[in-house]
Amino acid sequence: MKLHVGAIWALTKHGDKMSSESTPKPKRKRNWAKNRDILKAIPNPSGEAYEIKMKIPELTFEGVRSQPDFANLYITFYPGKKVIELKSLKEYFFAFRSQIYSYERIINVIYDDMMAAYEPTRLRLVMTCNPRGGISSKLTVDSDWGVRGGNDQFMDWVGQKEEW
């Protein structure tokens, strides 16, 4: 069989497709909790019920390599025995700037990390993403939802006017 120079270059540069298909590359498992250890808690100074609301006005992460995405993140937090140490929260969100996440992945990673670090009575995250391709997105996750293992105890979102 005769190969021309371009075919030889393609085989040496990119490898033989037959051999690469017969020996699949092992899929690299992502460590989605890699930033979790950045989060620090401090003891709750009160045993009484109260609500903490925070706004992260510029959550930055990469949707795809070298293309940043921006979102506003609103946090509603009912503390248990721990509260959020704000400096660590800022450093935690800063760590996302050079990491690739989909909208759906990042809100769930943040939720899982905060639930593990703080063990709150309630955690509600609302993320509004800046337009990408002319489409804006809003994602919400709440530990109170029965489908997330909650008790549907608060249900304060029922009857609210939908705002962006």
Protein backbone atom coordinates (compact mmCIF):
# COMPACT_ATOMS: atom_id res chain seq x y z
CA MET A 1 0.00 0.00 0.00
CA LYS A 2 1.36 3.39 -1.02
CA LEU A 3 0.80 6.40 1.25
CA HIS A 4 1.41 9.95 0.23
CA VAL A 5 3.38 12.34 2.46
CA GLY A 6 0.24 13.95 3.95
CA ALA A 7 -1.14 10.58 5.06
CA ILE A 8 2.17 9.59 6.64
CA TRP A 9 2.29 12.93 8.51
CA ALA A 10 -1.30 12.45 9.67
CA LEU A 11 -0.55 8.95 10.98
CA THR A 12 2.58 10.04 12.83
CA LYS A 13 1.04 13.27 14.13
CA HIS A 14 -2.39 11.98 15.12
CA GLY A 15 -1.84 8.25 15.46
CA ASP A 16 -3.64 5.41 13.79
CA LYS A 17 -7.41 5.72 14.31
CA MET A 18 -7.82 1.97 14.34
CA SER A 19 -5.47 1.50 17.27
CA SER A 20 -6.89 4.43 19.25
CA GLU A 21 -10.43 3.08 18.85
CA SER A 22 -9.43 -0.40 19.99
CA THR A 23 -7.74 0.89 23.16
CA PRO A 24 -9.99 3.58 24.63
CA LYS A 25 -8.37 6.22 26.77
CA PRO A 26 -9.43 5.98 30.41
CA LYS A 27 -11.81 8.80 31.27
CA ARG A 28 -10.41 11.23 33.81
CA LYS A 29 -12.65 11.55 36.84
CA ARG A 30 -13.25 15.16 37.88
CA ASN A 31 -12.95 16.16 41.51
CA TRP A 32 -15.92 18.50 41.79
CA ALA A 33 -15.31 19.08 45.52
CA LYS A 34 -11.74 20.32 45.02
CA ASN A 35 -12.54 23.81 46.38
CA ARG A 36 -14.55 22.59 49.37
CA ASP A 37 -11.63 22.75 51.82
CA ILE A 38 -11.35 26.50 51.26
CA LEU A 39 -14.66 27.06 53.09
CA LYS A 40 -14.28 27.78 56.81
CA ALA A 41 -16.96 27.94 59.46
CA ILE A 42 -17.18 29.78 62.75
CA PRO A 43 -19.46 28.86 65.65
CA ASN A 44 -22.94 30.35 65.52
CA PRO A 45 -23.07 33.04 68.23
CA SER A 46 -26.81 32.49 68.72
CA GLY A 47 -29.00 29.50 69.28
CA GLU A 48 -31.98 31.45 67.98
CA ALA A 49 -33.36 31.22 64.46
CA TYR A 50 -32.29 33.92 62.02
CA GLU A 51 -31.65 34.39 58.33
CA ILE A 52 -28.48 35.52 56.56
CA LYS A 53 -28.70 36.77 52.97
CA MET A 54 -25.66 37.33 50.80
CA LYS A 55 -25.15 38.47 47.24
CA ILE A 56 -22.13 37.56 45.14
CA PRO A 57 -22.47 40.17 42.39
CA GLU A 58 -19.83 38.71 40.11
CA LEU A 59 -19.39 34.97 40.29
CA THR A 60 -16.87 34.26 37.52
CA PHE A 61 -16.06 30.87 36.04
CA GLU A 62 -15.23 29.41 32.64
CA GLY A 63 -18.08 27.92 30.65
CA VAL A 64 -15.55 26.66 28.11
CA ARG A 65 -11.78 27.06 27.97
CA SER A 66 -10.76 30.76 27.93
CA GLN A 67 -14.33 32.07 27.79
CA PRO A 68 -15.49 33.46 31.13
CA ASP A 69 -19.08 33.32 32.32
CA PHE A 70 -20.54 35.73 34.86
CA ALA A 71 -23.44 35.31 37.25
CA ASN A 72 -25.04 36.89 40.28
CA LEU A 73 -25.44 34.44 43.13
CA TYR A 74 -27.95 35.06 45.92
CA ILE A 75 -27.56 32.99 49.08
CA THR A 76 -30.23 32.55 51.74
CA PHE A 77 -28.74 30.82 54.77
CA TYR A 78 -30.42 29.70 58.00
CA PRO A 79 -27.51 28.73 60.25
CA GLY A 80 -27.34 25.64 62.38
CA LYS A 81 -24.37 25.40 64.75
CA LYS A 82 -22.00 27.06 62.24
CA VAL A 83 -21.97 30.28 60.26
CA ILE A 84 -20.01 31.27 57.18
CA GLU A 85 -16.57 32.81 57.59
CA LEU A 86 -16.83 35.47 54.86
CA LYS A 87 -13.14 35.72 53.95
CA SER A 88 -13.03 32.00 53.11
CA LEU A 89 -16.26 32.34 51.10
CA LYS A 90 -14.66 35.09 49.01
CA GLU A 91 -11.56 32.92 48.41
CA TYR A 92 -13.78 29.96 47.56
CA PHE A 93 -15.62 31.88 44.84
CA PHE A 94 -12.37 33.35 43.54
CA ALA A 95 -11.06 29.78 42.96
CA PHE A 96 -13.76 29.19 40.29
CA ARG A 97 -12.33 31.85 37.97
CA SER A 98 -9.98 29.46 36.18
CA GLN A 99 -12.15 26.34 36.30
CA ILE A 100 -14.60 25.06 33.69
CA TYR A 101 -18.21 24.44 34.81
CA SER A 102 -21.64 24.37 33.22
CA TYR A 103 -24.34 26.46 34.90
CA GLU A 104 -26.06 23.32 36.14
CA ARG A 105 -22.86 21.84 37.52
CA ILE A 106 -21.57 24.95 39.33
CA ILE A 107 -24.77 25.66 41.28
CA ASN A 108 -24.89 22.04 42.46
CA VAL A 109 -21.18 22.00 43.37
CA ILE A 110 -21.60 25.20 45.41
CA TYR A 111 -24.70 23.78 47.08
CA ASP A 112 -23.00 20.48 47.98
CA ASP A 113 -19.88 22.26 49.26
CA MET A 114 -21.82 24.70 51.44
CA MET A 115 -24.09 21.99 52.83
CA ALA A 116 -21.04 19.88 53.75
CA ALA A 117 -19.05 22.77 55.26
CA TYR A 118 -21.81 24.53 57.22
CA GLU A 119 -24.64 22.02 57.82
CA PRO A 120 -27.25 24.80 57.75
CA THR A 121 -30.89 24.49 58.72
CA ARG A 122 -31.65 25.83 55.25
CA LEU A 123 -29.63 26.83 52.20
CA ARG A 124 -31.19 28.43 49.12
CA LEU A 125 -29.10 29.46 46.10
CA VAL A 126 -30.41 31.51 43.19
CA MET A 127 -28.02 32.11 40.30
CA THR A 128 -28.82 34.51 37.46
CA CYS A 129 -26.37 34.16 34.60
CA ASN A 130 -25.42 36.88 32.17
CA PRO A 131 -26.60 36.26 28.61
CA ARG A 132 -24.66 33.77 26.53
CA GLY A 133 -25.67 33.63 22.89
CA GLY A 134 -28.58 35.94 23.66
CA ILE A 135 -30.05 33.66 26.37
CA SER A 136 -30.08 34.44 30.10
CA SER A 137 -30.50 31.65 32.63
CA LYS A 138 -31.73 31.50 36.22
CA LEU A 139 -31.10 28.45 38.39
CA THR A 140 -32.38 27.77 41.90
CA VAL A 141 -31.69 25.04 44.44
CA ASP A 142 -33.12 24.87 47.97
CA SER A 143 -32.42 22.39 50.77
CA ASP A 144 -36.05 22.79 51.89
CA TRP A 145 -37.45 21.16 48.76
CA GLY A 146 -38.80 17.70 49.38
CA VAL A 147 -37.10 16.47 46.19
CA ARG A 148 -33.75 17.52 47.72
CA GLY A 149 -34.44 15.71 50.98
CA GLY A 150 -36.01 18.69 52.74
CA ASN A 151 -39.37 18.96 54.46
CA ASP A 152 -41.06 21.66 52.34
CA GLN A 153 -41.25 23.49 55.66
CA PHE A 154 -40.64 27.08 54.59
CA MET A 155 -42.19 27.26 51.10
CA ASP A 156 -41.60 31.01 51.06
CA TRP A 157 -41.15 30.93 47.28
CA VAL A 158 -44.83 29.96 46.74
CA GLY A 159 -46.86 32.87 45.46
CA GLN A 160 -43.85 35.14 44.94
CA LYS A 161 -43.64 37.24 41.82
CA GLU A 162 -40.91 35.89 39.54
CA GLU A 163 -38.14 38.48 39.34
CA TRP A 164 -34.81 38.52 37.58
